[in-house]
Amino acid sequence: MNRIEKLEALLRENGDDGFLNHALALEYVKAGDDGKAAALFKSILEKDPDYVGSYYHLGKLQERCGDEPGAIAVYKKGMEIAQKLGEQHAYNELRAACEYLEF
């Protein structure tokens, strides 16, 4: 059983677990399945907009797929959430990624 299969099995027991969903999305990225990864990151953020780590990874995925305006929007939303939560490290990472695209 590979990592994706293991995570999918765990999610059948606890489908709303943000950490497991995020881990699965990252595995989809590694496997080159950007469509599944993007859908999962978006689903995570719809269910839990405060899951700040998913903003960075969704933005990077959109950036890699050529959707720079979409990536910038995701980074900015993530910065807003990170600032609200007092997550300075996440805020700085999102800001750096956003500034790279804007300049």
PDB file of N, CA and C in Angstrom:
ATOM      1  N   MET A   1       0.856  -1.186   0.000  1.00  0.00           N
ATOM      2  CA  MET A   1       0.000   0.000   0.000  1.00  0.00           C
ATOM      3  C   MET A   1       0.898   1.244   0.000  1.00  0.00           C
ATOM      4  N   ASN A   2       0.697   2.129  -0.974  1.00  0.00           N
ATOM      5  CA  ASN A   2       1.507   3.345  -1.027  1.00  0.00           C
ATOM      6  C   ASN A   2       0.931   4.422  -0.090  1.00  0.00           C
ATOM      7  N   ARG A   3       1.628   5.553  -0.009  1.00  0.00           N
ATOM      8  CA  ARG A   3       1.225   6.611   0.929  1.00  0.00           C
ATOM      9  C   ARG A   3      -0.164   7.161   0.603  1.00  0.00           C
ATOM     10  N   ILE A   4      -0.473   7.335  -0.676  1.00  0.00           N
ATOM     11  CA  ILE A   4      -1.787   7.845  -1.063  1.00  0.00           C
ATOM     12  C   ILE A   4      -2.869   6.882  -0.603  1.00  0.00           C
ATOM     13  N   GLU A   5      -2.659   5.604  -0.845  1.00  0.00           N
ATOM     14  CA  GLU A   5      -3.645   4.602  -0.427  1.00  0.00           C
ATOM     15  C   GLU A   5      -3.813   4.578   1.090  1.00  0.00           C
ATOM     16  N   LYS A   6      -2.706   4.712   1.820  1.00  0.00           N
ATOM     17  CA  LYS A   6      -2.781   4.724   3.287  1.00  0.00           C
ATOM     18  C   LYS A   6      -3.568   5.936   3.783  1.00  0.00           C
ATOM     19  N   LEU A   7      -3.281   7.102   3.207  1.00  0.00           N
ATOM     20  CA  LEU A   7      -3.997   8.317   3.614  1.00  0.00           C
ATOM     21  C   LEU A   7      -5.471   8.235   3.246  1.00  0.00           C
ATOM     22  N   GLU A   8      -5.767   7.715   2.067  1.00  0.00           N
ATOM     23  CA  GLU A   8      -7.171   7.560   1.671  1.00  0.00           C
ATOM     24  C   GLU A   8      -7.911   6.619   2.618  1.00  0.00           C
ATOM     25  N   ALA A   9      -7.241   5.557   3.063  1.00  0.00           N
ATOM     26  CA  ALA A   9      -7.852   4.625   4.012  1.00  0.00           C
ATOM     27  C   ALA A   9      -8.129   5.317   5.342  1.00  0.00           C
ATOM     28  N   LEU A  10      -7.182   6.096   5.820  1.00  0.00           N
ATOM     29  CA  LEU A  10      -7.378   6.844   7.074  1.00  0.00           C
ATOM     30  C   LEU A  10      -8.520   7.845   6.933  1.00  0.00           C
ATOM     31  N   LEU A  11      -8.621   8.454   5.766  1.00  0.00           N
ATOM     32  CA  LEU A  11      -9.670   9.453   5.552  1.00  0.00           C
ATOM     33  C   LEU A  11     -11.056   8.830   5.435  1.00  0.00           C
ATOM     34  N   ARG A  12     -11.126   7.571   5.072  1.00  0.00           N
ATOM     35  CA  ARG A  12     -12.429   6.896   5.061  1.00  0.00           C
ATOM     36  C   ARG A  12     -12.981   6.802   6.484  1.00  0.00           C
ATOM     37  N   GLU A  13     -12.082   6.762   7.462  1.00  0.00           N
ATOM     38  CA  GLU A  13     -12.479   6.710   8.870  1.00  0.00           C
ATOM     39  C   GLU A  13     -12.741   8.106   9.434  1.00  0.00           C
ATOM     40  N   ASN A  14     -11.989   9.077   8.953  1.00  0.00           N
ATOM     41  CA  ASN A  14     -12.088  10.438   9.489  1.00  0.00           C
ATOM     42  C   ASN A  14     -11.870  11.441   8.361  1.00  0.00           C
ATOM     43  N   GLY A  15     -12.861  11.578   7.490  1.00  0.00           N
ATOM     44  CA  GLY A  15     -12.751  12.392   6.287  1.00  0.00           C
ATOM     45  C   GLY A  15     -12.573  13.882   6.498  1.00  0.00           C
ATOM     46  N   ASP A  16     -12.916  14.374   7.668  1.00  0.00           N
ATOM     47  CA  ASP A  16     -12.821  15.811   7.912  1.00  0.00           C
ATOM     48  C   ASP A  16     -11.501  16.236   8.534  1.00  0.00           C
ATOM     49  N   ASP A  17     -10.567  15.325   8.687  1.00  0.00           N
ATOM     50  CA  ASP A  17      -9.287  15.640   9.314  1.00  0.00           C
ATOM     51  C   ASP A  17      -8.455  16.512   8.377  1.00  0.00           C
ATOM     52  N   GLY A  18      -8.253  17.767   8.751  1.00  0.00           N
ATOM     53  CA  GLY A  18      -7.524  18.711   7.912  1.00  0.00           C
ATOM     54  C   GLY A  18      -6.087  18.292   7.664  1.00  0.00           C
ATOM     55  N   PHE A  19      -5.434  17.769   8.688  1.00  0.00           N
ATOM     56  CA  PHE A  19      -4.040  17.352   8.540  1.00  0.00           C
ATOM     57  C   PHE A  19      -3.918  16.219   7.522  1.00  0.00           C
ATOM     58  N   LEU A  20      -4.784  15.211   7.640  1.00  0.00           N
ATOM     59  CA  LEU A  20      -4.740  14.085   6.702  1.00  0.00           C
ATOM     60  C   LEU A  20      -5.060  14.529   5.281  1.00  0.00           C
ATOM     61  N   ASN A  21      -6.038  15.412   5.117  1.00  0.00           N
ATOM     62  CA  ASN A  21      -6.374  15.931   3.792  1.00  0.00           C
ATOM     63  C   ASN A  21      -5.222  16.723   3.203  1.00  0.00           C
ATOM     64  N   HIS A  22      -4.575  17.538   4.034  1.00  0.00           N
ATOM     65  CA  HIS A  22      -3.427  18.322   3.578  1.00  0.00           C
ATOM     66  C   HIS A  22      -2.290  17.389   3.155  1.00  0.00           C
ATOM     67  N   ALA A  23      -2.033  16.361   3.968  1.00  0.00           N
ATOM     68  CA  ALA A  23      -0.984  15.396   3.639  1.00  0.00           C
ATOM     69  C   ALA A  23      -1.302  14.685   2.320  1.00  0.00           C
ATOM     70  N   LEU A  24      -2.561  14.320   2.117  1.00  0.00           N
ATOM     71  CA  LEU A  24      -2.956  13.668   0.877  1.00  0.00           C
ATOM     72  C   LEU A  24      -2.761  14.600  -0.317  1.00  0.00           C
ATOM     73  N   ALA A  25      -3.128  15.859  -0.159  1.00  0.00           N
ATOM     74  CA  ALA A  25      -2.934  16.830  -1.245  1.00  0.00           C
ATOM     75  C   ALA A  25      -1.454  16.940  -1.603  1.00  0.00           C
ATOM     76  N   LEU A  26      -0.589  16.949  -0.598  1.00  0.00           N
ATOM     77  CA  LEU A  26       0.854  17.018  -0.866  1.00  0.00           C
ATOM     78  C   LEU A  26       1.343  15.769  -1.598  1.00  0.00           C
ATOM     79  N   GLU A  27       0.776  14.623  -1.257  1.00  0.00           N
ATOM     80  CA  GLU A  27       1.131  13.387  -1.958  1.00  0.00           C
ATOM     81  C   GLU A  27       0.676  13.444  -3.416  1.00  0.00           C
ATOM     82  N   TYR A  28      -0.489  14.026  -3.655  1.00  0.00           N
ATOM     83  CA  TYR A  28      -0.946  14.193  -5.041  1.00  0.00           C
ATOM     84  C   TYR A  28       0.003  15.107  -5.812  1.00  0.00           C
ATOM     85  N   VAL A  29       0.497  16.161  -5.154  1.00  0.00           N
ATOM     86  CA  VAL A  29       1.469  17.050  -5.801  1.00  0.00           C
ATOM     87  C   VAL A  29       2.705  16.245  -6.188  1.00  0.00           C
ATOM     88  N   LYS A  30       3.225  15.455  -5.246  1.00  0.00           N
ATOM     89  CA  LYS A  30       4.419  14.637  -5.519  1.00  0.00           C
ATOM     90  C   LYS A  30       4.181  13.666  -6.667  1.00  0.00           C
ATOM     91  N   ALA A  31       2.955  13.154  -6.764  1.00  0.00           N
ATOM     92  CA  ALA A  31       2.615  12.190  -7.809  1.00  0.00           C
ATOM     93  C   ALA A  31       2.329  12.864  -9.142  1.00  0.00           C
ATOM     94  N   GLY A  32       2.301  14.199  -9.164  1.00  0.00           N
ATOM     95  CA  GLY A  32       2.040  14.932 -10.399  1.00  0.00           C
ATOM     96  C   GLY A  32       0.573  15.074 -10.738  1.00  0.00           C
ATOM     97  N   ASP A  33      -0.303  14.818  -9.768  1.00  0.00           N
ATOM     98  CA  ASP A  33      -1.742  14.947  -9.998  1.00  0.00           C
ATOM     99  C   ASP A  33      -2.215  16.296  -9.455  1.00  0.00           C
ATOM    100  N   ASP A  34      -1.891  17.348 -10.198  1.00  0.00           N
ATOM    101  CA  ASP A  34      -2.205  18.712  -9.753  1.00  0.00           C
ATOM    102  C   ASP A  34      -3.703  18.949  -9.624  1.00  0.00           C
ATOM    103  N   GLY A  35      -4.499  18.315 -10.467  1.00  0.00           N
ATOM    104  CA  GLY A  35      -5.947  18.498 -10.398  1.00  0.00           C
ATOM    105  C   GLY A  35      -6.517  18.025  -9.073  1.00  0.00           C
ATOM    106  N   LYS A  36      -6.145  16.816  -8.667  1.00  0.00           N
ATOM    107  CA  LYS A  36      -6.629  16.296  -7.391  1.00  0.00           C
ATOM    108  C   LYS A  36      -6.079  17.107  -6.228  1.00  0.00           C
ATOM    109  N   ALA A  37      -4.815  17.505  -6.329  1.00  0.00           N
ATOM    110  CA  ALA A  37      -4.203  18.289  -5.260  1.00  0.00           C
ATOM    111  C   ALA A  37      -4.918  19.632  -5.101  1.00  0.00           C
ATOM    112  N   ALA A  38      -5.157  20.318  -6.203  1.00  0.00           N
ATOM    113  CA  ALA A  38      -5.821  21.623  -6.146  1.00  0.00           C
ATOM    114  C   ALA A  38      -7.222  21.491  -5.575  1.00  0.00           C
ATOM    115  N   ALA A  39      -7.957  20.490  -6.032  1.00  0.00           N
ATOM    116  CA  ALA A  39      -9.321  20.293  -5.529  1.00  0.00           C
ATOM    117  C   ALA A  39      -9.307  20.037  -4.022  1.00  0.00           C
ATOM    118  N   LEU A  40      -8.346  19.274  -3.558  1.00  0.00           N
ATOM    119  CA  LEU A  40      -8.276  18.959  -2.139  1.00  0.00           C
ATOM    120  C   LEU A  40      -7.861  20.179  -1.321  1.00  0.00           C
ATOM    121  N   PHE A  41      -6.862  20.934  -1.782  1.00  0.00           N
ATOM    122  CA  PHE A  41      -6.472  22.159  -1.073  1.00  0.00           C
ATOM    123  C   PHE A  41      -7.662  23.121  -0.980  1.00  0.00           C
ATOM    124  N   LYS A  42      -8.391  23.272  -2.077  1.00  0.00           N
ATOM    125  CA  LYS A  42      -9.556  24.169  -2.077  1.00  0.00           C
ATOM    126  C   LYS A  42     -10.626  23.676  -1.113  1.00  0.00           C
ATOM    127  N   SER A  43     -10.846  22.381  -1.077  1.00  0.00           N
ATOM    128  CA  SER A  43     -11.824  21.806  -0.165  1.00  0.00           C
ATOM    129  C   SER A  43     -11.416  22.037   1.291  1.00  0.00           C
ATOM    130  N   ILE A  44     -10.148  21.862   1.581  1.00  0.00           N
ATOM    131  CA  ILE A  44      -9.638  22.104   2.936  1.00  0.00           C
ATOM    132  C   ILE A  44      -9.942  23.537   3.347  1.00  0.00           C
ATOM    133  N   LEU A  45      -9.632  24.481   2.463  1.00  0.00           N
ATOM    134  CA  LEU A  45      -9.793  25.900   2.791  1.00  0.00           C
ATOM    135  C   LEU A  45     -11.257  26.314   2.844  1.00  0.00           C
ATOM    136  N   GLU A  46     -12.121  25.637   2.100  1.00  0.00           N
ATOM    137  CA  GLU A  46     -13.555  25.921   2.204  1.00  0.00           C
ATOM    138  C   GLU A  46     -14.091  25.476   3.564  1.00  0.00           C
ATOM    139  N   LYS A  47     -13.646  24.306   4.017  1.00  0.00           N
ATOM    140  CA  LYS A  47     -14.107  23.758   5.295  1.00  0.00           C
ATOM    141  C   LYS A  47     -13.463  24.454   6.482  1.00  0.00           C
ATOM    142  N   ASP A  48     -12.196  24.824   6.331  1.00  0.00           N
ATOM    143  CA  ASP A  48     -11.448  25.434   7.428  1.00  0.00           C
ATOM    144  C   ASP A  48     -10.539  26.529   6.879  1.00  0.00           C
ATOM    145  N   PRO A  49     -11.081  27.739   6.692  1.00  0.00           N
ATOM    146  CA  PRO A  49     -10.286  28.831   6.118  1.00  0.00           C
ATOM    147  C   PRO A  49      -9.045  29.195   6.941  1.00  0.00           C
ATOM    148  N   ASP A  50      -8.988  28.743   8.176  1.00  0.00           N
ATOM    149  CA  ASP A  50      -7.835  29.033   9.025  1.00  0.00           C
ATOM    150  C   ASP A  50      -6.706  28.012   8.884  1.00  0.00           C
ATOM    151  N   TYR A  51      -6.857  27.026   8.010  1.00  0.00           N
ATOM    152  CA  TYR A  51      -5.791  26.030   7.804  1.00  0.00           C
ATOM    153  C   TYR A  51      -4.722  26.675   6.921  1.00  0.00           C
ATOM    154  N   VAL A  52      -3.924  27.511   7.550  1.00  0.00           N
ATOM    155  CA  VAL A  52      -3.060  28.459   6.853  1.00  0.00           C
ATOM    156  C   VAL A  52      -2.011  27.796   5.954  1.00  0.00           C
ATOM    157  N   GLY A  53      -1.546  26.608   6.289  1.00  0.00           N
ATOM    158  CA  GLY A  53      -0.528  25.952   5.475  1.00  0.00           C
ATOM    159  C   GLY A  53      -0.985  25.633   4.064  1.00  0.00           C
ATOM    160  N   SER A  54      -2.268  25.428   3.878  1.00  0.00           N
ATOM    161  CA  SER A  54      -2.771  25.071   2.550  1.00  0.00           C
ATOM    162  C   SER A  54      -2.741  26.246   1.577  1.00  0.00           C
ATOM    163  N   TYR A  55      -2.742  27.470   2.081  1.00  0.00           N
ATOM    164  CA  TYR A  55      -2.686  28.627   1.177  1.00  0.00           C
ATOM    165  C   TYR A  55      -1.371  28.643   0.396  1.00  0.00           C
ATOM    166  N   TYR A  56      -0.285  28.403   1.091  1.00  0.00           N
ATOM    167  CA  TYR A  56       1.017  28.426   0.435  1.00  0.00           C
ATOM    168  C   TYR A  56       1.092  27.354  -0.658  1.00  0.00           C
ATOM    169  N   HIS A  57       0.702  26.150  -0.311  1.00  0.00           N
ATOM    170  CA  HIS A  57       0.818  25.046  -1.258  1.00  0.00           C
ATOM    171  C   HIS A  57      -0.144  25.189  -2.437  1.00  0.00           C
ATOM    172  N   LEU A  58      -1.347  25.684  -2.183  1.00  0.00           N
ATOM    173  CA  LEU A  58      -2.278  25.934  -3.287  1.00  0.00           C
ATOM    174  C   LEU A  58      -1.731  27.033  -4.186  1.00  0.00           C
ATOM    175  N   GLY A  59      -1.192  28.081  -3.591  1.00  0.00           N
ATOM    176  CA  GLY A  59      -0.611  29.161  -4.387  1.00  0.00           C
ATOM    177  C   GLY A  59       0.544  28.669  -5.248  1.00  0.00           C
ATOM    178  N   LYS A  60       1.421  27.870  -4.673  1.00  0.00           N
ATOM    179  CA  LYS A  60       2.552  27.334  -5.433  1.00  0.00           C
ATOM    180  C   LYS A  60       2.070  26.455  -6.581  1.00  0.00           C
ATOM    181  N   LEU A  61       1.042  25.670  -6.324  1.00  0.00           N
ATOM    182  CA  LEU A  61       0.482  24.815  -7.365  1.00  0.00           C
ATOM    183  C   LEU A  61      -0.082  25.669  -8.497  1.00  0.00           C
ATOM    184  N   GLN A  62      -0.833  26.706  -8.151  1.00  0.00           N
ATOM    185  CA  GLN A  62      -1.396  27.583  -9.183  1.00  0.00           C
ATOM    186  C   GLN A  62      -0.291  28.305  -9.947  1.00  0.00           C
ATOM    187  N   GLU A  63       0.734  28.717  -9.233  1.00  0.00           N
ATOM    188  CA  GLU A  63       1.874  29.382  -9.856  1.00  0.00           C
ATOM    189  C   GLU A  63       2.535  28.444 -10.872  1.00  0.00           C
ATOM    190  N   ARG A  64       2.769  27.213 -10.470  1.00  0.00           N
ATOM    191  CA  ARG A  64       3.398  26.223 -11.333  1.00  0.00           C
ATOM    192  C   ARG A  64       2.544  25.926 -12.567  1.00  0.00           C
ATOM    193  N   CYS A  65       1.226  26.021 -12.419  1.00  0.00           N
ATOM    194  CA  CYS A  65       0.312  25.750 -13.539  1.00  0.00           C
ATOM    195  C   CYS A  65       0.074  26.982 -14.414  1.00  0.00           C
ATOM    196  N   GLY A  66       0.755  28.089 -14.104  1.00  0.00           N
ATOM    197  CA  GLY A  66       0.661  29.287 -14.927  1.00  0.00           C
ATOM    198  C   GLY A  66      -0.433  30.257 -14.540  1.00  0.00           C
ATOM    199  N   ASP A  67      -1.084  30.033 -13.410  1.00  0.00           N
ATOM    200  CA  ASP A  67      -2.150  30.930 -12.952  1.00  0.00           C
ATOM    201  C   ASP A  67      -1.586  31.891 -11.900  1.00  0.00           C
ATOM    202  N   GLU A  68      -0.745  32.817 -12.360  1.00  0.00           N
ATOM    203  CA  GLU A  68      -0.127  33.754 -11.420  1.00  0.00           C
ATOM    204  C   GLU A  68      -1.140  34.656 -10.716  1.00  0.00           C
ATOM    205  N   PRO A  69      -2.153  35.194 -11.413  1.00  0.00           N
ATOM    206  CA  PRO A  69      -3.143  36.001 -10.692  1.00  0.00           C
ATOM    207  C   PRO A  69      -3.867  35.198  -9.601  1.00  0.00           C
ATOM    208  N   GLY A  70      -4.182  33.949  -9.904  1.00  0.00           N
ATOM    209  CA  GLY A  70      -4.828  33.093  -8.913  1.00  0.00           C
ATOM    210  C   GLY A  70      -3.918  32.829  -7.732  1.00  0.00           C
ATOM    211  N   ALA A  71      -2.640  32.593  -8.017  1.00  0.00           N
ATOM    212  CA  ALA A  71      -1.671  32.348  -6.951  1.00  0.00           C
ATOM    213  C   ALA A  71      -1.537  33.576  -6.052  1.00  0.00           C
ATOM    214  N   ILE A  72      -1.469  34.755  -6.654  1.00  0.00           N
ATOM    215  CA  ILE A  72      -1.354  35.988  -5.869  1.00  0.00           C
ATOM    216  C   ILE A  72      -2.568  36.155  -4.968  1.00  0.00           C
ATOM    217  N   ALA A  73      -3.748  35.891  -5.499  1.00  0.00           N
ATOM    218  CA  ALA A  73      -4.975  36.007  -4.700  1.00  0.00           C
ATOM    219  C   ALA A  73      -4.955  35.038  -3.519  1.00  0.00           C
ATOM    220  N   VAL A  74      -4.491  33.813  -3.758  1.00  0.00           N
ATOM    221  CA  VAL A  74      -4.411  32.819  -2.679  1.00  0.00           C
ATOM    222  C   VAL A  74      -3.386  33.257  -1.641  1.00  0.00           C
ATOM    223  N   TYR A  75      -2.230  33.713  -2.092  1.00  0.00           N
ATOM    224  CA  TYR A  75      -1.205  34.172  -1.142  1.00  0.00           C
ATOM    225  C   TYR A  75      -1.739  35.331  -0.288  1.00  0.00           C
ATOM    226  N   LYS A  76      -2.416  36.275  -0.911  1.00  0.00           N
ATOM    227  CA  LYS A  76      -2.932  37.425  -0.159  1.00  0.00           C
ATOM    228  C   LYS A  76      -3.988  37.005   0.855  1.00  0.00           C
ATOM    229  N   LYS A  77      -4.857  36.090   0.472  1.00  0.00           N
ATOM    230  CA  LYS A  77      -5.862  35.586   1.422  1.00  0.00           C
ATOM    231  C   LYS A  77      -5.168  34.856   2.570  1.00  0.00           C
ATOM    232  N   GLY A  78      -4.166  34.073   2.247  1.00  0.00           N
ATOM    233  CA  GLY A  78      -3.404  33.370   3.274  1.00  0.00           C
ATOM    234  C   GLY A  78      -2.686  34.328   4.207  1.00  0.00           C
ATOM    235  N   MET A  79      -2.148  35.417   3.660  1.00  0.00           N
ATOM    236  CA  MET A  79      -1.484  36.424   4.492  1.00  0.00           C
ATOM    237  C   MET A  79      -2.477  37.036   5.477  1.00  0.00           C
ATOM    238  N   GLU A  80      -3.669  37.319   4.991  1.00  0.00           N
ATOM    239  CA  GLU A  80      -4.720  37.886   5.831  1.00  0.00           C
ATOM    240  C   GLU A  80      -5.049  36.936   6.996  1.00  0.00           C
ATOM    241  N   ILE A  81      -5.199  35.664   6.681  1.00  0.00           N
ATOM    242  CA  ILE A  81      -5.524  34.672   7.708  1.00  0.00           C
ATOM    243  C   ILE A  81      -4.354  34.492   8.669  1.00  0.00           C
ATOM    244  N   ALA A  82      -3.141  34.392   8.133  1.00  0.00           N
ATOM    245  CA  ALA A  82      -1.959  34.213   8.981  1.00  0.00           C
ATOM    246  C   ALA A  82      -1.804  35.386   9.942  1.00  0.00           C
ATOM    247  N   GLN A  83      -2.045  36.581   9.452  1.00  0.00           N
ATOM    248  CA  GLN A  83      -1.940  37.766  10.306  1.00  0.00           C
ATOM    249  C   GLN A  83      -3.003  37.712  11.400  1.00  0.00           C
ATOM    250  N   LYS A  84      -4.223  37.330  11.039  1.00  0.00           N
ATOM    251  CA  LYS A  84      -5.314  37.224  12.008  1.00  0.00           C
ATOM    252  C   LYS A  84      -4.973  36.217  13.104  1.00  0.00           C
ATOM    253  N   LEU A  85      -4.328  35.116  12.709  1.00  0.00           N
ATOM    254  CA  LEU A  85      -3.993  34.053  13.659  1.00  0.00           C
ATOM    255  C   LEU A  85      -2.678  34.290  14.404  1.00  0.00           C
ATOM    256  N   GLY A  86      -1.948  35.328  14.017  1.00  0.00           N
ATOM    257  CA  GLY A  86      -0.655  35.592  14.645  1.00  0.00           C
ATOM    258  C   GLY A  86       0.427  34.623  14.196  1.00  0.00           C
ATOM    259  N   GLU A  87       0.261  34.049  13.008  1.00  0.00           N
ATOM    260  CA  GLU A  87       1.215  33.083  12.453  1.00  0.00           C
ATOM    261  C   GLU A  87       2.245  33.841  11.617  1.00  0.00           C
ATOM    262  N   GLN A  88       3.241  34.408  12.277  1.00  0.00           N
ATOM    263  CA  GLN A  88       4.213  35.278  11.608  1.00  0.00           C
ATOM    264  C   GLN A  88       5.058  34.527  10.576  1.00  0.00           C
ATOM    265  N   HIS A  89       5.477  33.321  10.897  1.00  0.00           N
ATOM    266  CA  HIS A  89       6.297  32.554   9.952  1.00  0.00           C
ATOM    267  C   HIS A  89       5.514  32.289   8.660  1.00  0.00           C
ATOM    268  N   ALA A  90       4.283  31.834   8.805  1.00  0.00           N
ATOM    269  CA  ALA A  90       3.452  31.574   7.632  1.00  0.00           C
ATOM    270  C   ALA A  90       3.218  32.863   6.850  1.00  0.00           C
ATOM    271  N   TYR A  91       2.952  33.950   7.565  1.00  0.00           N
ATOM    272  CA  TYR A  91       2.744  35.241   6.914  1.00  0.00           C
ATOM    273  C   TYR A  91       3.965  35.624   6.067  1.00  0.00           C
ATOM    274  N   ASN A  92       5.152  35.474   6.648  1.00  0.00           N
ATOM    275  CA  ASN A  92       6.378  35.844   5.936  1.00  0.00           C
ATOM    276  C   ASN A  92       6.597  34.979   4.691  1.00  0.00           C
ATOM    277  N   GLU A  93       6.311  33.684   4.783  1.00  0.00           N
ATOM    278  CA  GLU A  93       6.459  32.808   3.621  1.00  0.00           C
ATOM    279  C   GLU A  93       5.480  33.190   2.514  1.00  0.00           C
ATOM    280  N   LEU A  94       4.246  33.452   2.898  1.00  0.00           N
ATOM    281  CA  LEU A  94       3.231  33.840   1.920  1.00  0.00           C
ATOM    282  C   LEU A  94       3.570  35.193   1.287  1.00  0.00           C
ATOM    283  N   ARG A  95       4.032  36.120   2.102  1.00  0.00           N
ATOM    284  CA  ARG A  95       4.401  37.446   1.584  1.00  0.00           C
ATOM    285  C   ARG A  95       5.547  37.340   0.595  1.00  0.00           C
ATOM    286  N   ALA A  96       6.561  36.538   0.922  1.00  0.00           N
ATOM    287  CA  ALA A  96       7.713  36.372   0.033  1.00  0.00           C
ATOM    288  C   ALA A  96       7.272  35.767  -1.306  1.00  0.00           C
ATOM    289  N   ALA A  97       6.405  34.768  -1.255  1.00  0.00           N
ATOM    290  CA  ALA A  97       5.924  34.140  -2.485  1.00  0.00           C
ATOM    291  C   ALA A  97       5.116  35.134  -3.314  1.00  0.00           C
ATOM    292  N   CYS A  98       4.291  35.916  -2.653  1.00  0.00           N
ATOM    293  CA  CYS A  98       3.462  36.904  -3.329  1.00  0.00           C
ATOM    294  C   CYS A  98       4.317  38.002  -3.954  1.00  0.00           C
ATOM    295  N   GLU A  99       5.265  38.511  -3.188  1.00  0.00           N
ATOM    296  CA  GLU A  99       6.137  39.582  -3.698  1.00  0.00           C
ATOM    297  C   GLU A  99       6.961  39.122  -4.887  1.00  0.00           C
ATOM    298  N   TYR A 100       7.378  37.871  -4.881  1.00  0.00           N
ATOM    299  CA  TYR A 100       8.140  37.328  -6.005  1.00  0.00           C
ATOM    300  C   TYR A 100       7.334  37.422  -7.302  1.00  0.00           C
ATOM    301  N   LEU A 101       6.043  37.143  -7.212  1.00  0.00           N
ATOM    302  CA  LEU A 101       5.203  37.192  -8.409  1.00  0.00           C
ATOM    303  C   LEU A 101       4.820  38.618  -8.797  1.00  0.00           C
ATOM    304  N   GLU A 102       4.715  39.480  -7.823  1.00  0.00           N
ATOM    305  CA  GLU A 102       4.253  40.845  -8.116  1.00  0.00           C
ATOM    306  C   GLU A 102       5.367  41.727  -8.666  1.00  0.00           C
ATOM    307  N   PHE A 103       6.612  41.327  -8.509  1.00  0.00           N
ATOM    308  CA  PHE A 103       7.713  42.190  -8.974  1.00  0.00           C
ATOM    309  C   PHE A 103       8.454  41.610 -10.122  1.00  0.00           C
TER     310      PHE A 103
END
